[in-house]
Protein backbone atom coordinates (compact mmCIF):
# COMPACT_ATOMS: atom_id res chain seq x y z
CA MET A 1 141.32 137.34 128.37
CA PRO A 2 138.09 139.02 130.09
CA PRO A 3 138.50 142.71 130.81
CA VAL A 4 140.37 142.94 134.73
CA PRO A 5 138.32 144.94 136.92
CA GLY A 6 140.25 147.66 137.39
CA ALA A 7 142.81 147.23 135.30
CA VAL A 8 144.40 150.48 133.89
CA PRO A 9 143.47 151.44 130.61
CA ASP A 10 145.69 151.07 127.34
CA PRO A 11 145.12 153.67 124.62
CA ARG A 12 146.54 150.80 122.44
CA LEU A 13 144.21 148.93 122.43
CA SER A 14 141.42 150.85 120.41
CA ALA A 15 143.85 150.36 117.49
CA HIS A 16 144.91 146.87 118.22
CA PRO A 17 145.12 144.77 114.81
CA PHE A 18 143.15 141.88 115.86
CA ARG A 19 139.94 144.10 117.81
CA SER A 20 138.10 143.71 114.36
CA ARG A 21 138.50 140.23 114.33
CA ARG A 22 137.01 138.93 117.66
CA ALA A 23 134.48 137.37 116.75
CA ARG A 24 135.98 134.76 115.18
CA GLY A 25 138.65 134.86 117.67
CA PRO A 26 141.95 133.77 117.68
CA TRP A 27 142.01 130.63 115.07
CA GLY A 28 140.22 132.90 112.27
CA ASP A 29 142.98 134.61 112.04
CA ARG A 30 145.80 133.34 109.41
CA ASP A 31 148.53 134.74 110.85
CA PHE A 32 147.94 133.59 114.24
CA ARG A 33 147.83 129.57 112.97
CA ARG A 34 150.70 130.85 111.10
CA LEU A 35 152.36 131.94 114.79
CA TRP A 36 151.05 129.11 116.41
CA ALA A 37 152.88 126.53 114.14
CA CYS A 38 156.15 128.31 113.78
CA GLN A 39 155.92 127.74 117.71
CA THR A 40 154.74 124.55 117.48
CA ALA A 41 157.49 123.26 115.40
CA SER A 42 160.01 125.35 116.89
CA GLN A 43 159.10 123.62 120.40
CA VAL A 44 159.31 119.91 119.08
CA GLY A 45 163.07 120.38 117.77
CA GLU A 46 164.00 122.34 121.10
CA HIS A 47 162.70 119.09 123.19
CA ALA A 48 164.19 116.56 121.18
CA THR A 49 167.18 118.73 121.57
CA LEU A 50 167.36 118.80 125.40
CA VAL A 51 166.84 115.29 125.77
CA LEU A 52 169.19 114.55 122.95
CA LEU A 53 172.05 116.31 123.43
CA PRO A 54 172.00 114.70 126.81
CA LEU A 55 171.57 111.28 125.61
CA LEU A 56 174.01 111.67 122.92
CA ALA A 57 176.74 112.37 125.96
CA VAL A 58 175.40 109.24 127.04
CA VAL A 59 175.54 106.81 125.18
CA THR A 60 178.19 107.39 122.40
CA LEU A 61 180.62 109.50 125.14
CA HIS A 62 179.20 107.39 128.15
CA VAL A 63 179.94 110.52 130.73
CA GLY A 64 179.17 110.60 134.33
CA PRO A 65 176.84 111.76 136.81
CA GLY A 66 179.76 115.24 136.87
CA GLU A 67 180.43 115.82 133.38
CA LEU A 68 176.45 115.37 131.96
CA GLY A 69 175.79 118.37 134.94
CA VAL A 70 178.30 120.65 133.62
CA LEU A 71 176.74 120.02 130.22
CA ARG A 72 173.57 120.24 130.96
CA ALA A 73 174.19 123.50 132.76
CA VAL A 74 176.50 124.76 129.94
CA GLY A 75 173.40 124.70 128.11
CA GLN A 76 170.80 126.68 130.57
CA ALA A 77 173.89 129.71 130.83
CA PRO A 78 172.11 131.65 128.19
CA VAL A 79 168.55 132.28 130.02
CA LEU A 80 171.14 133.41 133.00
CA LEU A 81 173.49 135.75 130.92
CA LEU A 82 171.27 137.00 128.04
CA ALA A 83 167.56 136.87 129.14
CA LEU A 84 167.34 140.54 130.61
CA PHE A 85 169.01 141.98 127.54
CA VAL A 86 167.18 140.27 125.01
CA GLY A 87 164.05 141.28 126.86
CA ALA A 88 164.71 144.81 126.57
CA TRP A 89 166.12 144.11 122.91
CA VAL A 90 162.67 142.28 121.81
CA ASP A 91 160.67 145.20 122.96
CA GLY A 92 161.65 147.41 120.56
CA TRP A 93 161.50 144.82 117.28
CA ARG A 94 159.01 142.68 115.46
CA THR A 95 159.19 138.97 117.41
CA ARG A 96 158.92 137.50 113.73
CA THR A 97 162.03 139.00 112.89
CA VAL A 98 163.58 137.82 116.40
CA MET A 99 161.93 134.43 115.93
CA MET A 100 162.95 133.85 111.85
CA THR A 101 166.58 134.23 113.09
CA ALA A 102 166.29 132.19 116.47
CA ASP A 103 165.24 129.32 113.81
CA ALA A 104 167.60 129.57 111.48
CA GLY A 105 170.21 129.85 113.68
CA ARG A 106 169.83 126.85 115.72
CA ALA A 107 168.97 124.51 112.25
CA LEU A 108 172.26 126.23 110.80
CA LEU A 109 174.17 124.81 114.04
CA LEU A 110 172.80 121.47 114.00
CA ILE A 111 173.31 120.68 110.45
CA VAL A 112 177.09 121.63 110.49
CA VAL A 113 177.51 119.44 113.59
CA ALA A 114 175.99 116.78 112.00
CA ALA A 115 177.55 117.17 108.74
CA GLY A 116 180.67 117.13 110.67
CA CYS A 117 179.76 114.16 111.86
CA LEU A 118 179.43 112.45 108.40
CA VAL A 119 182.93 114.41 107.34
CA GLY A 120 185.19 112.88 110.13
CA GLY A 121 182.82 109.65 110.43
CA LEU A 122 182.07 109.81 113.83
CA ASP A 123 179.87 108.01 116.14
CA GLY A 124 178.47 111.78 117.55
CA PRO A 125 180.32 115.14 118.74
CA SER A 126 183.04 115.54 121.09
CA LEU A 127 182.67 116.46 124.69
CA PRO A 128 183.94 120.34 123.48
CA VAL A 129 181.57 120.38 120.55
CA LEU A 130 178.84 119.26 122.56
CA TYR A 131 179.03 122.06 125.13
CA ALA A 132 179.91 124.62 122.11
CA LEU A 133 176.33 123.43 120.70
CA ALA A 134 173.89 122.96 124.02
CA PHE A 135 175.12 126.83 124.32
CA ALA A 136 174.71 128.31 121.33
CA VAL A 137 171.54 126.39 121.14
CA GLY A 138 170.12 127.70 124.53
CA ALA A 139 171.25 131.15 123.84
CA LEU A 140 169.37 131.44 120.47
CA SER A 141 166.35 129.65 122.15
CA VAL A 142 166.40 132.58 125.01
CA TYR A 143 165.20 134.90 122.05
CA PHE A 144 162.93 132.82 120.56
CA ASP A 145 161.08 132.03 123.75
CA VAL A 146 160.91 135.65 124.86
CA ALA A 147 159.59 136.22 121.55
CA TYR A 148 156.66 134.43 120.77
CA GLN A 149 155.32 135.26 124.16
CA ALA A 150 155.34 138.99 123.45
CA SER A 151 154.43 138.10 119.87
CA ALA A 152 150.91 136.80 121.23
CA VAL A 153 150.29 139.81 123.43
CA ARG A 154 150.90 142.07 120.35
CA LEU A 155 149.00 140.40 117.61
CA VAL A 156 146.25 138.63 119.51
CA ALA A 157 143.60 141.28 121.56
CA PRO A 158 143.26 141.42 124.85
CA ASP A 159 140.12 139.94 125.09
CA ARG A 160 141.60 136.49 123.17
CA LEU A 161 144.69 136.12 124.86
CA THR A 162 143.09 133.23 127.07
CA ARG A 163 142.15 131.42 124.11
CA SER A 164 145.27 131.74 122.76
CA ASN A 165 148.05 131.56 125.79
CA ALA A 166 146.09 128.06 125.52
CA ALA A 167 146.45 126.99 121.73
CA LEU A 168 150.15 128.04 122.60
CA GLU A 169 150.54 126.22 125.60
CA GLY A 170 148.97 123.11 124.35
CA SER A 171 151.27 123.23 121.20
CA ARG A 172 154.64 123.46 123.81
CA SER A 173 152.64 120.73 125.55
CA ALA A 174 152.04 118.48 122.02
CA ALA A 175 155.93 119.04 121.57
CA GLN A 176 156.49 117.69 124.94
CA ILE A 177 155.25 114.38 123.68
CA GLY A 178 156.93 114.33 120.28
CA GLY A 179 159.99 116.04 121.18
CA PRO A 180 161.49 113.58 123.59
CA ALA A 181 160.31 110.24 121.93
CA LEU A 182 162.15 111.65 119.06
CA GLY A 183 165.65 112.44 120.65
CA GLY A 184 165.13 109.13 122.66
CA ALA A 185 164.34 107.57 119.41
CA LEU A 186 166.86 108.93 117.17
CA VAL A 187 169.75 108.35 119.28
CA SER A 188 168.61 104.56 120.47
CA LEU A 189 167.66 104.03 116.43
CA GLY A 190 169.79 106.19 114.39
CA THR A 191 173.18 108.26 114.44
CA ALA A 192 174.31 111.10 116.00
CA PRO A 193 174.05 113.09 112.16
CA VAL A 194 170.51 111.76 111.47
CA ALA A 195 169.68 112.98 115.03
CA LEU A 196 170.75 116.21 114.89
CA GLY A 197 170.06 116.86 111.41
CA SER A 198 166.16 115.79 112.18
CA ALA A 199 165.71 117.61 115.08
CA ALA A 200 167.42 121.17 112.51
CA LEU A 201 164.30 120.03 110.41
CA PHE A 202 161.84 121.58 113.04
CA PHE A 203 163.52 124.89 113.71
CA ALA A 204 163.64 125.10 109.61
CA GLY A 205 159.80 124.21 109.43
CA SER A 206 159.61 127.06 112.25
CA TYR A 207 161.00 129.87 110.47
CA LEU A 208 159.10 129.25 107.12
CA SER A 209 156.00 129.60 109.76
CA ALA A 210 156.99 132.71 110.96
CA ARG A 211 158.66 134.28 107.49
CA SER A 212 154.61 132.97 105.84
CA MET A 213 153.44 135.71 108.38
CA ARG A 214 152.04 139.13 106.57
CA ARG A 215 150.45 141.44 109.00
CA THR A 216 152.83 144.06 110.09
CA GLU A 217 153.43 143.96 113.76
CA PRO A 218 152.62 146.94 116.12
CA VAL A 219 155.22 147.17 117.97
CA PRO A 220 155.25 149.33 121.28
CA GLY A 221 156.95 153.12 121.80
CA ALA A 222 157.44 152.97 117.70
CA ALA A 223 159.22 156.05 117.60
CA GLY A 224 162.40 154.31 117.68
CA GLY A 225 163.56 154.07 121.00
CA LYS A 226 163.41 157.77 122.38
CA ARG A 227 162.38 159.62 124.52
CA ALA A 228 160.59 162.73 124.98
CA ALA A 229 163.40 164.83 125.18
CA GLY A 230 165.15 163.18 122.19
CA ARG A 231 167.87 161.17 123.97
CA PRO A 232 168.34 157.27 123.12
CA VAL A 233 166.80 155.02 126.12
CA ARG A 234 169.63 153.13 127.56
CA VAL A 235 169.35 149.66 127.21
CA GLY A 236 170.26 149.36 131.28
CA ARG A 237 167.10 152.17 131.88
CA ARG A 238 165.08 149.62 129.81
CA ILE A 239 166.54 146.63 131.92
CA ALA A 240 166.17 147.91 135.19
CA GLU A 241 162.09 149.39 134.23
CA GLY A 242 161.67 145.41 134.38
CA VAL A 243 163.22 144.55 137.29
CA ARG A 244 161.47 147.16 139.31
CA LEU A 245 157.95 146.25 138.09
CA VAL A 246 158.99 142.72 138.93
CA VAL A 247 160.29 143.34 142.49
CA GLY A 248 157.48 145.52 143.13
CA ASP A 249 154.42 143.75 142.33
CA GLY A 250 153.37 141.17 144.88
CA SER A 251 152.53 138.69 142.54
CA LEU A 252 154.90 139.04 139.44
CA ARG A 253 157.86 138.91 142.52
CA THR A 254 156.13 135.58 143.88
CA VAL A 255 156.19 134.25 140.73
CA CYS A 256 159.73 134.67 140.28
CA LEU A 257 160.85 133.31 143.32
CA ALA A 258 158.84 130.26 143.25
CA SER A 259 159.78 129.43 139.31
CA ALA A 260 163.21 129.82 140.66
CA ALA A 261 163.10 127.50 143.54
CA PHE A 262 161.43 125.58 141.12
CA GLN A 263 163.63 125.75 137.98
CA PHE A 264 166.69 125.25 140.21
CA PHE A 265 165.66 121.63 141.73
CA LEU A 266 163.91 120.73 138.46
CA ALA A 267 167.04 120.89 136.62
CA ALA A 268 169.12 119.01 139.64
CA THR A 269 166.51 116.52 139.55
CA MET A 270 166.57 115.98 135.72
CA THR A 271 170.09 115.64 135.58
CA VAL A 272 170.02 112.78 138.04
CA TYR A 273 166.47 111.22 136.11
CA LEU A 274 167.97 111.03 133.17
CA LEU A 275 171.02 108.78 134.52
CA PHE A 276 168.87 107.06 137.42
CA LEU A 277 166.52 105.62 134.40
CA PRO A 278 169.03 103.70 131.98
CA ARG A 279 171.65 102.77 134.44
CA GLU A 280 169.84 102.56 137.68
CA LEU A 281 166.44 101.16 135.65
CA GLY A 282 168.07 99.61 133.19
CA LEU A 283 166.03 101.45 130.54
CA SER A 284 166.38 101.71 126.57
CA GLY A 285 167.05 104.64 125.03
CA SER A 286 163.52 104.26 123.42
CA THR A 287 161.75 103.65 126.59
CA VAL A 288 163.30 106.51 127.95
CA GLY A 289 161.89 108.43 125.45
CA LEU A 290 158.61 107.25 125.61
CA VAL A 291 158.83 107.92 129.39
CA LEU A 292 159.59 111.20 128.98
CA ALA A 293 156.89 111.84 126.62
CA ALA A 294 154.66 110.86 128.70
CA THR A 295 154.87 114.25 130.32
CA GLY A 296 152.99 115.77 127.03
CA PRO A 297 149.27 113.81 127.35
CA GLY A 298 149.26 115.02 131.13
CA ALA A 299 150.63 118.74 129.52
CA LEU A 300 147.45 118.88 127.33
CA ALA A 301 144.89 117.77 130.39
CA GLY A 302 146.39 120.71 132.00
CA SER A 303 145.58 123.10 129.53
CA LEU A 304 142.04 121.92 129.37
CA LEU A 305 141.68 122.44 133.25
CA ALA A 306 143.31 125.71 132.91
CA ALA A 307 140.46 127.04 130.80
CA ARG A 308 137.77 126.45 133.54
CA LEU A 309 139.84 125.69 137.18
CA PRO A 310 141.18 128.84 138.29
CA ALA A 311 138.03 130.54 137.37
CA ARG A 312 135.64 128.65 139.75
CA LEU A 313 137.89 127.18 142.10
CA GLY A 314 140.40 130.78 142.48
CA HIS A 315 143.69 131.53 140.94
CA GLY A 316 145.74 130.97 144.52
CA PRO A 317 144.19 127.65 145.65
CA VAL A 318 144.69 126.42 141.59
CA LEU A 319 148.18 127.41 141.69
CA VAL A 320 149.23 125.78 145.40
CA GLY A 321 147.76 123.00 144.72
CA ALA A 322 148.63 121.90 141.50
CA ALA A 323 151.96 122.51 142.21
CA ALA A 324 152.04 120.49 145.33
CA ILE A 325 150.62 117.66 143.35
CA GLY A 326 152.48 117.88 139.90
CA ASP A 327 155.73 118.30 142.14
CA GLY A 328 155.12 115.51 145.21
CA ALA A 329 154.49 112.52 142.59
CA LEU A 330 158.28 112.92 141.21
CA LEU A 331 158.45 111.63 145.01
CA ALA A 332 158.01 108.43 144.10
CA VAL A 333 160.83 107.78 141.16
CA PRO A 334 163.42 106.75 143.90
CA ALA A 335 161.53 103.42 145.33
CA LEU A 336 161.17 102.18 141.88
CA HIS A 337 163.57 99.65 140.48
CA GLY A 338 163.47 97.54 137.48
CA SER A 339 162.40 98.22 134.14
CA GLY A 340 159.65 95.57 134.07
CA THR A 341 156.20 96.58 132.75
CA ALA A 342 155.07 97.62 135.99
CA THR A 343 157.48 100.06 136.41
CA ILE A 344 157.93 101.85 133.30
CA ALA A 345 153.93 102.55 134.01
CA VAL A 346 154.35 103.87 136.93
CA LEU A 347 156.65 106.10 135.57
CA VAL A 348 154.53 107.32 132.97
CA LEU A 349 151.61 107.82 135.85
CA VAL A 350 154.07 109.98 137.22
CA ASN A 351 154.72 111.62 134.29
CA LEU A 352 151.51 112.24 132.86
CA VAL A 353 150.78 113.52 136.65
CA PHE A 354 153.70 116.19 136.63
CA GLY A 355 152.57 117.42 133.08
CA ALA A 356 148.91 118.12 133.39
CA PHE A 357 149.68 119.58 136.90
CA GLY A 358 153.06 121.56 135.82
CA GLN A 359 151.14 122.70 132.41
CA LEU A 360 148.12 123.84 134.71
CA VAL A 361 150.67 125.89 137.07
CA ASN A 362 152.50 127.55 133.82
CA VAL A 363 148.77 128.93 131.86
CA THR A 364 147.59 130.05 135.44
CA VAL A 365 150.84 132.12 136.23
CA MET A 366 150.92 133.08 132.41
CA GLY A 367 147.37 135.05 132.67
CA ILE A 368 148.56 136.18 136.01
CA ARG A 369 151.48 137.27 134.60
CA GLN A 370 150.25 139.27 131.21
CA ALA A 371 147.17 140.63 133.54
CA VAL A 372 149.62 142.55 135.93
CA THR A 373 151.70 143.79 132.95
CA PRO A 374 151.75 146.63 131.44
CA HIS A 375 151.49 146.25 127.42
CA ALA A 376 154.58 147.61 126.45
CA MET A 377 156.48 145.84 128.96
CA GLN A 378 155.61 142.69 127.87
CA GLY A 379 159.28 141.26 126.66
CA ARG A 380 160.60 142.57 129.77
CA VAL A 381 158.54 141.37 132.57
CA ALA A 382 158.91 137.79 130.68
CA ALA A 383 162.48 138.04 130.19
CA THR A 384 163.20 139.51 134.11
CA ILE A 385 160.98 136.32 135.32
CA THR A 386 162.65 134.43 132.95
CA CYS A 387 166.59 135.48 134.28
CA LEU A 388 165.45 135.68 137.27
CA GLY A 389 163.20 132.58 137.40
CA MET A 390 165.66 129.66 135.65
CA GLY A 391 169.02 131.63 135.95
CA LEU A 392 169.91 129.46 138.80
CA THR A 393 169.21 126.04 136.27
CA PRO A 394 172.47 126.26 135.59
CA PHE A 395 173.54 125.59 138.95
CA GLY A 396 170.88 123.01 139.84
CA SER A 397 172.31 120.96 137.31
CA LEU A 398 175.90 120.88 138.94
CA LEU A 399 174.05 120.28 141.82
CA GLY A 400 172.40 117.31 140.39
CA GLY A 401 175.32 116.07 139.33
CA PHE A 402 176.69 116.74 142.61
CA LEU A 403 174.25 114.71 144.02
CA GLY A 404 174.55 111.73 141.74
CA LEU A 405 178.13 111.64 141.86
CA GLU A 406 178.01 111.79 145.24
CA TRP A 407 175.36 110.71 147.39
CA GLY A 408 174.58 107.81 144.19
CA LEU A 409 171.68 107.99 142.00
CA ARG A 410 168.73 107.08 143.57
CA ALA A 411 169.41 108.76 147.31
CA GLY A 412 170.71 112.28 144.46
CA LEU A 413 167.32 111.90 142.80
CA LEU A 414 165.61 112.03 145.95
CA ALA A 415 166.80 114.73 147.80
CA ALA A 416 166.86 116.90 144.69
CA ALA A 417 163.27 115.64 144.10
CA ALA A 418 162.17 116.94 147.76
CA GLY A 419 163.95 120.39 147.00
CA MET A 420 161.05 121.45 144.42
CA MET A 421 158.10 120.76 146.92
CA LEU A 422 159.63 124.74 148.28
CA SER A 423 158.20 125.98 145.15
CA PRO A 424 154.39 125.31 146.26
CA LEU A 425 155.41 126.51 149.72
CA LEU A 426 156.87 129.87 148.72
CA MET A 427 153.68 129.99 146.74
CA LEU A 428 151.45 129.17 149.70
CA LEU A 429 153.27 132.28 152.40
CA SER A 430 152.75 134.43 149.34
CA PRO A 431 149.87 137.16 147.88
CA LEU A 432 149.42 134.57 145.42
CA ALA A 433 147.65 131.98 147.33
CA ARG A 434 145.16 134.66 148.11
CA LEU A 435 143.85 135.14 144.96
CA GLY A 436 140.77 135.05 144.05
CA ARG A 437 138.16 134.30 141.09
CA THR A 438 139.44 137.32 139.27
CA LEU A 439 143.10 138.50 138.38
CA PRO A 440 144.62 140.90 139.90
CA PRO A 441 144.47 144.67 137.70
CA ARG A 442 147.12 145.83 135.65
CA SER A 443 149.88 148.15 136.72
CA VAL A 444 151.27 151.16 135.10
CA SER A 445 154.38 150.77 133.19
CA PRO A 446 157.21 153.36 134.99
CA ALA A 447 157.62 154.98 131.84
CA ALA A 448 153.93 155.50 131.41
CA ALA A 449 153.76 157.04 135.13
CA ALA A 450 156.37 159.24 133.94
CA GLY A 451 154.36 160.59 130.42
CA THR A 452 156.97 159.24 128.39
CA ASP A 453 157.43 156.65 125.77
CA PRO A 454 157.75 153.20 126.51
CA ARG A 455 160.85 152.81 124.83
């Protein structure tokens, strides 16, 4: 990331482990490549599971909108319940350890459920088992997602963060290609144990990649979580510091509010969407996977655009314009009928547009967040925005189930997709819309301002 005008210097940067390697960039470092491979494999498994579990419920258990909404809400609830605590916790641990533990746990859970189906001769897990699996996998995903975001900031020199973020976000985009397609195809062509076991393999691969990282990772405030007075820092105080920073900074606060609006209505939209495609349009599981996978190539294009457009057009105009175009594209879906080639082509185009402009927003927002957040608080701020921004998704999923049940799939999908337009509206009316070509200055952490150890 280029230097931020007016940024508060961070004394750790002079001893940054990647400082001497900047001529080669992040790709020249073996441990960054391993981090990238770890995150890519994990994201493929995660995106496959996100589609796999709901489709298993729809295809093998024939659940209705209400039950599907509850299933998605249960899987999303860990974000609301755990993200703040995970952020405070990750800031005091090596992210490699956290990522390895999360990957091993997710792989083991999926394998155990797959083995249970084989032993019991079942077509698929029961609904209560799916509820428990969705919650457990969701909880471990919170740990992994917070950890990998903090890991990039710790291991990559500041002037290479933009390229590193683009690489990591690009891999997440690639996972959006393979993950949904894999999940949909396996539900359609294979059995539940095969589908679950295949997803577990990606988490296992991610675990091995993380384990192969060798560099000792710098942990902010490595004094063991104690302040100058020698008393341990309470988790509640660490959480409060992250929340205060997000609430007190205009850019971070708006990111959080816009993210909350987007994620809430996206959860409602996807709940109805996963029912609308097979039941209203008559698409097969593999076709649903193909349509959803179209988001991935679009997101790859969005990552490329994010490397250039904000610096040329300004971060504010890019954020507002991209959010409006990407979210607005989904309004075309309720107008479709039938399962013909034209319908599938429009769905693919809609998902390409949604993926491209959504990714443009994601990368731009991440750059803003990392620029204004103190180095020692990256985990807590990421977790705070994740919790407050995505914490409403379980309720959004429940709303989607209600809309599909009470209003019908077509009208419910239209209402949920229209609600997503609240996100660009919030950004338009906020300081984010006025951001120019350069990023705002880095904030001073509450602990640093007090002259204390940030841990």
